[in-house]
Amino acid sequence: MAKPSRRPQCPNFSSGPCSKRPGWSVEVLSNALVGRSHRSQAGKQRLHEVIDRSRTLLGLPDSYLCGITPASDTGAVEMAMWSLLGARGVDMAAWESFGQGWITDVQKQLNLNDCRIFTADYGQLPDLSEIDCDRDLVFTWNGTTAGVKVPNADWIPDNRQGLTLCDATSAVFAMDLPWPKLDVVTWSWQKVMGGEAAHGMIVLSPRAVERLETYTPSWPLPKIFRMTKGGELNQAIFEGATINTPSMVCVEDALDGLKWAESIGGLKALMERSQANLAAISDWVEKTPWIDFLAVVPETRSNTSICLKIVDPWYTALSKEGQAKGAKRIATLLEKAEVAYDIASYRDAPPGLRIWGGATVETADIEALLPWLDWAYEQVKVESL
């Protein structure tokens, strides 16, 4: 098979840090407050602007709080779990590596005894109807390393007694989140908006705030996890006074991404762009016999972290080591051809490919990539036979 002639204009399909928005250049950072304190009036204004633009773009309820956290989405999730869990039993739902990580933290670090685990293999969801939302709940909306998302939140009752803690880092800005069903939502700048890494965001419902102000965990809280002072919520966190020092260059980049999103039509446009990327890959998968989605049920297929598995009989007959080498070889060929970077599946996931389809990726680049996937696959197959 000859190499395709058309190439993606941008070959960045990494699932994190993700592709920058179309037209991005380093010049957008020229007004960053480098050398200035984040606690100066100007610094706080920039941080507050990130919060305000984020909540407006997402359409957060007026009663919900939004703040910036250290340590990316991981820091935001850990902050929520260490600060809020332990007041009642907790259900943990996981179907990929990051959700499994939260289970490890709750069981082995927080040592919570009243903890029920609901897991599923890569490509599937656990039975969410078995979850008891009168207990607390921790789950990922979209499994970044499995390409499996929850299709809706109908399984979360409005009159729940527990808190729902949702890791939405590869879902927010690309999927329609039902905010009244969610009490804590976390994400990072490096995913759908293509921002720089190391900074996270956290959203709290009034019920989550009430828990913070009425419950004190039995374990000591590190400084970067503390959201209260003297038994009351530290409002400053949600007004631009971050717990630790943020990069003002990263702040400027986050603002650029938010302004771009506003300029193209806001949240609706972001979701449409991501859905168009999934549709392009879906059309290709439907007519391509050697590939399929890792997600078994179509309604659960992610439109951001699009995970694919190789189903050709010659490949599935290989040992696990052989399958891993074959999938990695495909990714390597595409990287050497400079048409796709970082599309190998996550290290803990089944061997395959993972293509980021978030809003910063152009559908035309996805369409240009697909023939190259066929080409690389054929090269690897010929080499192996």
Protein backbone atom coordinates (compact mmCIF):
# COMPACT_ATOMS: atom_id res chain seq x y z
CA MET A 1 0.00 0.00 0.00
CA ALA A 2 1.44 3.38 -1.03
CA LYS A 3 1.82 6.17 1.49
CA PRO A 4 -1.14 8.56 1.42
CA SER A 5 -0.41 11.92 -0.15
CA ARG A 6 -2.56 14.02 2.18
CA ARG A 7 -1.17 14.74 5.64
CA PRO A 8 -2.73 16.20 8.81
CA GLN A 9 -1.86 19.88 9.18
CA CYS A 10 -1.37 19.22 12.89
CA PRO A 11 -0.12 15.73 13.84
CA ASN A 12 -0.75 16.16 17.57
CA PHE A 13 -3.30 13.57 18.73
CA SER A 14 -2.05 13.07 22.29
CA SER A 15 -4.61 12.48 25.05
CA GLY A 16 -2.76 14.76 27.42
CA PRO A 17 -1.32 17.27 27.20
CA CYS A 18 -3.61 17.69 24.23
CA SER A 19 -3.34 19.60 20.98
CA LYS A 20 -3.39 23.39 21.19
CA ARG A 21 -6.35 25.18 19.66
CA PRO A 22 -6.23 25.92 15.90
CA GLY A 23 -4.10 28.97 15.15
CA TRP A 24 -2.25 28.90 18.47
CA SER A 25 1.25 30.33 18.63
CA VAL A 26 3.56 31.30 21.44
CA GLU A 27 2.69 34.94 20.73
CA VAL A 28 -0.61 34.50 22.58
CA LEU A 29 1.45 34.36 25.79
CA SER A 30 3.11 37.72 25.23
CA ASN A 31 0.96 39.46 27.84
CA ALA A 32 1.55 36.86 30.55
CA LEU A 33 2.32 38.39 33.94
CA VAL A 34 5.76 36.84 34.14
CA GLY A 35 7.81 38.03 37.08
CA ARG A 36 4.66 39.23 38.87
CA SER A 37 3.12 37.84 42.01
CA HIS A 38 -0.04 35.82 41.58
CA ARG A 39 -1.20 37.57 44.74
CA SER A 40 -0.91 41.03 43.21
CA GLN A 41 -4.14 42.69 42.16
CA ALA A 42 -3.34 42.06 38.51
CA GLY A 43 -2.44 38.43 39.20
CA LYS A 44 -5.65 37.77 41.10
CA GLN A 45 -7.65 39.41 38.34
CA ARG A 46 -6.20 37.02 35.75
CA LEU A 47 -6.90 34.00 37.94
CA HIS A 48 -10.41 35.23 38.66
CA GLU A 49 -10.93 35.71 34.93
CA VAL A 50 -10.09 32.04 34.30
CA ILE A 51 -12.69 31.08 36.91
CA ASP A 52 -15.36 33.45 35.57
CA ARG A 53 -14.88 32.51 31.92
CA SER A 54 -14.86 28.80 32.79
CA ARG A 55 -18.09 28.93 34.76
CA THR A 56 -19.82 31.07 32.12
CA LEU A 57 -18.70 28.83 29.26
CA LEU A 58 -19.88 25.72 31.11
CA GLY A 59 -23.12 27.25 32.30
CA LEU A 60 -22.53 26.41 35.96
CA PRO A 61 -25.45 26.98 38.33
CA ASP A 62 -25.14 30.27 40.21
CA SER A 63 -24.97 28.41 43.53
CA TYR A 64 -21.96 26.33 42.47
CA LEU A 65 -18.41 27.43 43.25
CA CYS A 66 -15.45 27.10 40.86
CA GLY A 67 -11.79 27.32 41.80
CA ILE A 68 -8.24 26.58 40.65
CA THR A 69 -6.23 23.81 42.29
CA PRO A 70 -2.62 22.67 42.27
CA ALA A 71 -1.43 19.42 40.66
CA SER A 72 -3.75 19.16 37.66
CA ASP A 73 -6.90 17.02 37.75
CA THR A 74 -5.15 14.54 40.04
CA GLY A 75 -4.66 17.23 42.64
CA ALA A 76 -8.28 18.33 42.35
CA VAL A 77 -9.62 14.78 42.78
CA GLU A 78 -7.30 14.10 45.71
CA MET A 79 -8.30 17.39 47.34
CA ALA A 80 -11.96 16.41 47.09
CA MET A 81 -11.52 12.84 48.37
CA TRP A 82 -9.27 13.73 51.29
CA SER A 83 -11.51 16.62 52.34
CA LEU A 84 -14.97 15.12 51.86
CA LEU A 85 -14.92 11.34 52.17
CA GLY A 86 -15.39 9.41 55.39
CA ALA A 87 -18.61 11.03 56.57
CA ARG A 88 -20.61 8.07 55.19
CA GLY A 89 -19.99 4.94 53.15
CA VAL A 90 -18.62 5.37 49.65
CA ASP A 91 -19.19 3.57 46.35
CA MET A 92 -16.28 3.60 43.90
CA ALA A 93 -16.92 3.01 40.18
CA ALA A 94 -14.01 2.39 37.82
CA TRP A 95 -13.51 0.96 34.35
CA GLU A 96 -9.96 2.09 33.55
CA SER A 97 -6.66 2.97 35.16
CA PHE A 98 -7.39 6.40 36.64
CA GLY A 99 -10.60 5.24 38.30
CA GLN A 100 -8.65 2.30 39.69
CA GLY A 101 -6.16 4.79 41.09
CA TRP A 102 -8.90 6.55 43.05
CA ILE A 103 -9.95 3.17 44.47
CA THR A 104 -6.38 2.54 45.62
CA ASP A 105 -6.27 5.92 47.34
CA VAL A 106 -9.54 5.37 49.17
CA GLN A 107 -8.78 1.82 50.24
CA LYS A 108 -5.05 1.98 50.96
CA GLN A 109 -4.36 5.64 51.79
CA LEU A 110 -7.57 6.83 53.44
CA ASN A 111 -8.25 3.27 54.69
CA LEU A 112 -12.02 3.62 54.47
CA ASN A 113 -13.65 0.38 55.57
CA ASP A 114 -17.19 1.09 54.33
CA CYS A 115 -16.19 1.10 50.68
CA ARG A 116 -17.96 -0.78 47.88
CA ILE A 117 -16.19 -1.33 44.57
CA PHE A 118 -17.84 -1.49 41.13
CA THR A 119 -15.45 -2.24 38.29
CA ALA A 120 -15.53 -3.44 34.71
CA ASP A 121 -12.97 -4.54 32.16
CA TYR A 122 -11.60 -2.08 29.63
CA GLY A 123 -14.29 -1.35 27.06
CA GLN A 124 -17.24 -1.81 29.39
CA LEU A 125 -19.12 -0.08 32.20
CA PRO A 126 -20.03 -1.66 35.54
CA ASP A 127 -23.72 -2.02 36.40
CA LEU A 128 -24.36 1.55 37.52
CA SER A 129 -27.89 0.68 38.68
CA GLU A 130 -26.34 -1.14 41.65
CA ILE A 131 -24.74 2.03 42.98
CA ASP A 132 -26.37 3.49 46.10
CA CYS A 133 -26.30 7.29 45.89
CA ASP A 134 -27.35 7.62 49.50
CA ARG A 135 -23.70 6.78 49.97
CA ASP A 136 -20.96 8.96 48.56
CA LEU A 137 -19.82 8.14 45.03
CA VAL A 138 -16.53 8.61 43.19
CA PHE A 139 -16.41 7.97 39.42
CA THR A 140 -14.93 9.22 36.17
CA TRP A 141 -17.38 10.57 33.60
CA ASN A 142 -15.12 9.58 30.73
CA GLY A 143 -12.45 6.92 31.10
CA THR A 144 -9.49 8.53 29.37
CA THR A 145 -7.50 5.29 29.01
CA ALA A 146 -10.47 3.11 27.98
CA GLY A 147 -12.46 5.44 25.75
CA VAL A 148 -15.62 4.59 27.69
CA LYS A 149 -17.97 7.26 29.05
CA VAL A 150 -21.20 7.17 31.00
CA PRO A 151 -23.97 7.93 28.48
CA ASN A 152 -26.05 9.92 30.97
CA ALA A 153 -26.65 10.50 34.67
CA ASP A 154 -30.18 9.07 34.87
CA TRP A 155 -28.87 6.55 37.41
CA ILE A 156 -28.07 9.34 39.89
CA PRO A 157 -31.24 10.34 41.79
CA ASP A 158 -32.02 13.99 42.44
CA ASN A 159 -32.91 13.26 46.08
CA ARG A 160 -29.64 11.45 46.88
CA GLN A 161 -28.21 11.75 50.38
CA GLY A 162 -24.59 11.17 49.43
CA LEU A 163 -22.20 13.35 47.43
CA THR A 164 -21.21 12.57 43.85
CA LEU A 165 -17.53 13.22 43.11
CA CYS A 166 -16.89 13.21 39.36
CA ASP A 167 -13.50 13.18 37.68
CA ALA A 168 -14.49 14.86 34.39
CA THR A 169 -11.09 15.86 33.08
CA SER A 170 -11.59 14.37 29.59
CA ALA A 171 -15.33 15.12 29.51
CA VAL A 172 -15.81 18.74 30.54
CA PHE A 173 -16.03 21.15 27.55
CA ALA A 174 -16.78 18.18 25.27
CA MET A 175 -19.76 16.43 26.87
CA ASP A 176 -22.99 17.74 28.33
CA LEU A 177 -22.61 17.40 32.10
CA PRO A 178 -25.80 17.48 34.21
CA TRP A 179 -24.56 19.77 36.96
CA PRO A 180 -27.47 19.24 39.42
CA LYS A 181 -26.52 15.53 39.52
CA LEU A 182 -22.90 16.31 40.41
CA ASP A 183 -21.58 17.70 43.69
CA VAL A 184 -17.86 17.81 42.91
CA VAL A 185 -16.44 18.03 39.39
CA THR A 186 -12.74 18.20 38.56
CA TRP A 187 -10.66 18.71 35.42
CA SER A 188 -7.36 20.11 34.20
CA TRP A 189 -6.39 22.76 31.68
CA GLN A 190 -4.37 20.28 29.61
CA LYS A 191 -7.28 18.26 28.21
CA VAL A 192 -10.19 19.50 26.07
CA MET A 193 -9.02 23.12 26.06
CA GLY A 194 -5.44 22.17 25.17
CA GLY A 195 -3.92 24.22 27.98
CA GLU A 196 -0.64 23.70 29.78
CA ALA A 197 -0.34 21.06 32.48
CA ALA A 198 0.02 21.16 36.29
CA HIS A 199 -3.14 23.13 37.11
CA GLY A 200 -6.58 21.79 37.96
CA MET A 201 -10.11 23.06 38.47
CA ILE A 202 -12.72 22.06 41.01
CA VAL A 203 -16.46 22.78 41.13
CA LEU A 204 -18.44 22.41 44.36
CA SER A 205 -22.20 22.24 44.83
CA PRO A 206 -23.86 23.77 47.89
CA ARG A 207 -24.17 20.23 49.32
CA ALA A 208 -20.42 19.75 48.98
CA VAL A 209 -19.78 23.06 50.73
CA GLU A 210 -22.12 22.02 53.54
CA ARG A 211 -20.13 18.81 53.98
CA LEU A 212 -16.87 20.76 54.14
CA GLU A 213 -18.24 23.04 56.86
CA THR A 214 -19.88 20.33 58.98
CA TYR A 215 -17.45 17.41 58.71
CA THR A 216 -13.83 17.12 59.78
CA PRO A 217 -11.89 14.10 58.48
CA SER A 218 -10.11 11.92 61.01
CA TRP A 219 -6.83 12.15 59.10
CA PRO A 220 -4.48 15.15 58.81
CA LEU A 221 -4.89 17.22 55.64
CA PRO A 222 -1.84 18.50 53.73
CA LYS A 223 -1.92 22.24 53.13
CA ILE A 224 -2.68 21.93 49.41
CA PHE A 225 -5.86 19.96 50.22
CA ARG A 226 -7.34 22.37 52.79
CA MET A 227 -10.46 24.14 51.58
CA THR A 228 -11.63 25.43 54.98
CA LYS A 229 -10.35 27.81 57.62
CA GLY A 230 -11.74 27.71 61.14
CA GLY A 231 -14.52 25.37 60.07
CA GLU A 232 -15.70 27.60 57.23
CA LEU A 233 -15.08 27.42 53.51
CA ASN A 234 -12.03 29.35 52.35
CA GLN A 235 -13.82 31.51 49.80
CA ALA A 236 -10.56 33.00 48.55
CA ILE A 237 -9.76 29.77 46.68
CA PHE A 238 -12.79 30.43 44.49
CA GLU A 239 -11.93 34.08 43.92
CA GLY A 240 -8.46 33.65 42.44
CA ALA A 241 -6.32 33.18 45.55
CA THR A 242 -4.88 29.76 44.79
CA ILE A 243 -3.43 27.54 47.52
CA ASN A 244 0.01 27.37 45.93
CA THR A 245 1.81 29.44 43.31
CA PRO A 246 0.42 29.01 39.78
CA SER A 247 2.33 29.66 36.58
CA MET A 248 1.13 32.95 35.16
CA VAL A 249 2.25 31.73 31.72
CA CYS A 250 -0.12 28.78 32.08
CA VAL A 251 -2.85 31.15 33.27
CA GLU A 252 -2.43 33.27 30.15
CA ASP A 253 -2.61 30.13 28.00
CA ALA A 254 -5.78 28.99 29.75
CA LEU A 255 -7.36 32.38 29.09
CA ASP A 256 -6.43 32.13 25.43
CA GLY A 257 -8.17 28.77 25.15
CA LEU A 258 -11.31 30.05 26.86
CA LYS A 259 -11.46 33.14 24.63
CA TRP A 260 -11.05 30.93 21.55
CA ALA A 261 -13.93 28.74 22.72
CA GLU A 262 -16.12 31.79 23.18
CA SER A 263 -15.20 33.07 19.72
CA ILE A 264 -16.31 29.88 17.94
CA GLY A 265 -19.70 29.63 19.66
CA GLY A 266 -19.08 28.44 23.19
CA LEU A 267 -19.83 25.07 24.73
CA LYS A 268 -22.19 23.97 21.97
CA ALA A 269 -19.53 24.53 19.33
CA LEU A 270 -16.90 22.72 21.40
CA MET A 271 -19.12 19.66 21.76
CA GLU A 272 -20.03 19.70 18.07
CA ARG A 273 -16.38 19.79 17.04
CA SER A 274 -15.57 16.82 19.26
CA GLN A 275 -18.60 14.86 18.06
CA ALA A 276 -17.57 15.49 14.45
CA ASN A 277 -14.18 13.95 15.20
CA LEU A 278 -15.81 10.86 16.66
CA ALA A 279 -18.16 10.63 13.66
CA ALA A 280 -15.23 10.68 11.23
CA ILE A 281 -13.54 7.82 13.05
CA SER A 282 -16.82 5.92 13.41
CA ASP A 283 -17.41 6.06 9.65
CA TRP A 284 -13.91 4.75 9.04
CA VAL A 285 -14.22 1.95 11.63
CA GLU A 286 -17.51 0.81 10.11
CA LYS A 287 -15.86 0.14 6.74
CA THR A 288 -12.47 -1.05 8.03
CA PRO A 289 -12.39 -4.74 9.02
CA TRP A 290 -9.10 -4.71 10.95
CA ILE A 291 -10.14 -2.16 13.58
CA ASP A 292 -12.93 -1.61 16.11
CA PHE A 293 -13.73 0.53 19.13
CA LEU A 294 -12.53 -0.66 22.51
CA ALA A 295 -15.86 0.52 23.96
CA VAL A 296 -18.35 -2.31 23.40
CA VAL A 297 -21.60 -0.30 23.56
CA PRO A 298 -21.87 2.53 20.98
CA GLU A 299 -23.59 4.91 23.41
CA THR A 300 -20.59 4.69 25.74
CA ARG A 301 -17.94 5.55 23.15
CA SER A 302 -15.91 8.58 24.08
CA ASN A 303 -15.74 11.52 21.70
CA THR A 304 -12.49 12.73 23.27
CA SER A 305 -10.18 9.83 24.13
CA ILE A 306 -11.13 7.56 21.23
CA CYS A 307 -9.67 4.12 21.97
CA LEU A 308 -9.41 1.48 19.25
CA LYS A 309 -8.50 -2.21 19.21
CA ILE A 310 -7.11 -4.34 16.38
CA VAL A 311 -9.44 -7.23 15.55
CA ASP A 312 -7.82 -8.81 12.48
CA PRO A 313 -7.54 -12.60 13.14
CA TRP A 314 -3.80 -12.65 12.38
CA TYR A 315 -3.26 -10.03 15.08
CA THR A 316 -5.56 -11.53 17.73
CA ALA A 317 -3.77 -14.87 17.26
CA LEU A 318 -0.52 -13.26 18.45
CA SER A 319 0.67 -13.52 22.03
CA LYS A 320 -0.04 -10.56 24.30
CA GLU A 321 3.56 -9.50 23.87
CA GLY A 322 3.22 -9.76 20.09
CA GLN A 323 0.03 -7.72 20.09
CA ALA A 324 1.67 -5.01 22.19
CA LYS A 325 4.65 -4.87 19.84
CA GLY A 326 2.41 -4.71 16.77
CA ALA A 327 0.30 -1.84 18.08
CA LYS A 328 3.38 0.05 19.23
CA ARG A 329 4.98 -0.48 15.82
CA ILE A 330 1.97 1.15 14.12
CA ALA A 331 2.29 4.18 16.39
CA THR A 332 6.04 4.33 15.79
CA LEU A 333 5.66 4.27 12.00
CA LEU A 334 3.17 7.13 12.14
CA GLU A 335 5.42 9.16 14.41
CA LYS A 336 8.40 8.63 12.10
CA ALA A 337 6.24 9.74 9.18
CA GLU A 338 5.35 12.85 11.23
CA VAL A 339 1.61 12.36 10.71
CA ALA A 340 0.56 11.30 14.21
CA TYR A 341 2.27 11.70 17.56
CA ASP A 342 1.46 9.86 20.79
CA ILE A 343 -1.41 7.64 19.65
CA ALA A 344 -0.35 4.36 21.27
CA SER A 345 -2.81 3.10 23.88
CA TYR A 346 -2.15 3.94 27.53
CA ARG A 347 0.46 1.71 29.16
CA ASP A 348 -2.08 -0.06 31.41
CA ALA A 349 -4.75 -0.43 28.71
CA PRO A 350 -5.10 -3.27 26.19
CA PRO A 351 -2.78 -2.85 23.16
CA GLY A 352 -4.26 -0.62 20.50
CA LEU A 353 -4.49 3.00 19.44
CA ARG A 354 -5.84 6.09 21.18
CA ILE A 355 -6.68 9.19 19.17
CA TRP A 356 -7.63 12.42 20.92
CA GLY A 357 -10.78 13.88 19.41
CA GLY A 358 -11.35 16.88 21.64
CA ALA A 359 -12.44 20.27 20.32
CA THR A 360 -8.95 21.59 19.61
CA VAL A 361 -8.42 18.86 16.99
CA GLU A 362 -9.61 19.69 13.48
CA THR A 363 -11.87 17.09 11.87
CA ALA A 364 -9.95 17.58 8.61
CA ASP A 365 -6.82 16.36 10.41
CA ILE A 366 -8.66 13.30 11.69
CA GLU A 367 -9.84 12.56 8.15
CA ALA A 368 -6.30 12.98 6.79
CA LEU A 369 -4.93 10.64 9.46
CA LEU A 370 -7.23 7.69 8.77
CA PRO A 371 -5.62 6.50 5.49
CA TRP A 372 -2.26 6.64 7.25
CA LEU A 373 -3.60 4.25 9.88
CA ASP A 374 -4.46 1.79 7.11
CA TRP A 375 -1.00 2.26 5.60
CA ALA A 376 0.86 1.70 8.89
CA TYR A 377 -1.26 -1.32 9.73
CA GLU A 378 -0.49 -2.92 6.37
CA GLN A 379 3.22 -2.32 6.86
CA VAL A 380 3.17 -4.03 10.25
CA LYS A 381 1.08 -6.93 8.95
CA VAL A 382 3.46 -7.53 6.04
CA GLU A 383 6.45 -7.39 8.39
CA SER A 384 4.85 -10.01 10.64
CA LEU A 385 3.76 -12.53 7.98
